[in-house]
Amino acid sequence: MAGNAQTASELQSSGFFHPIIDKCEGCERIVEANNNKFCQTYAFPEAKWRLGICNFATHKKPEIVVSTIKVNPLKAAKRASGGKKKK
């Protein structure tokens, strides 16, 4: 792990890696180097959280919204009967 921390440290000093943001806390992909925390998977973690949840996050799961659809009983009965069209 020391090799990974050194690599992250070198890349941070070159300006490639950016420190993590508060939403990244708790993720398993965090590497600490020079008293800073970096994401070992993505160089600019703030950009991953702009549109919602980061797809690399190990500590959060996307919320799946299940909605119920109202079905018109008359249309459902017609579909079920197989309403053949006359030509």
Foldseek 3Di string as FASTA:
>chain_A
DVVLQVVVVVCVVVVQADAADPVQPPFPQWHDHPNTITGSPDRYNVVQPPVHDRPRGPPDDDDDDDDDDDDDVVVVVCVVVVPDDDD
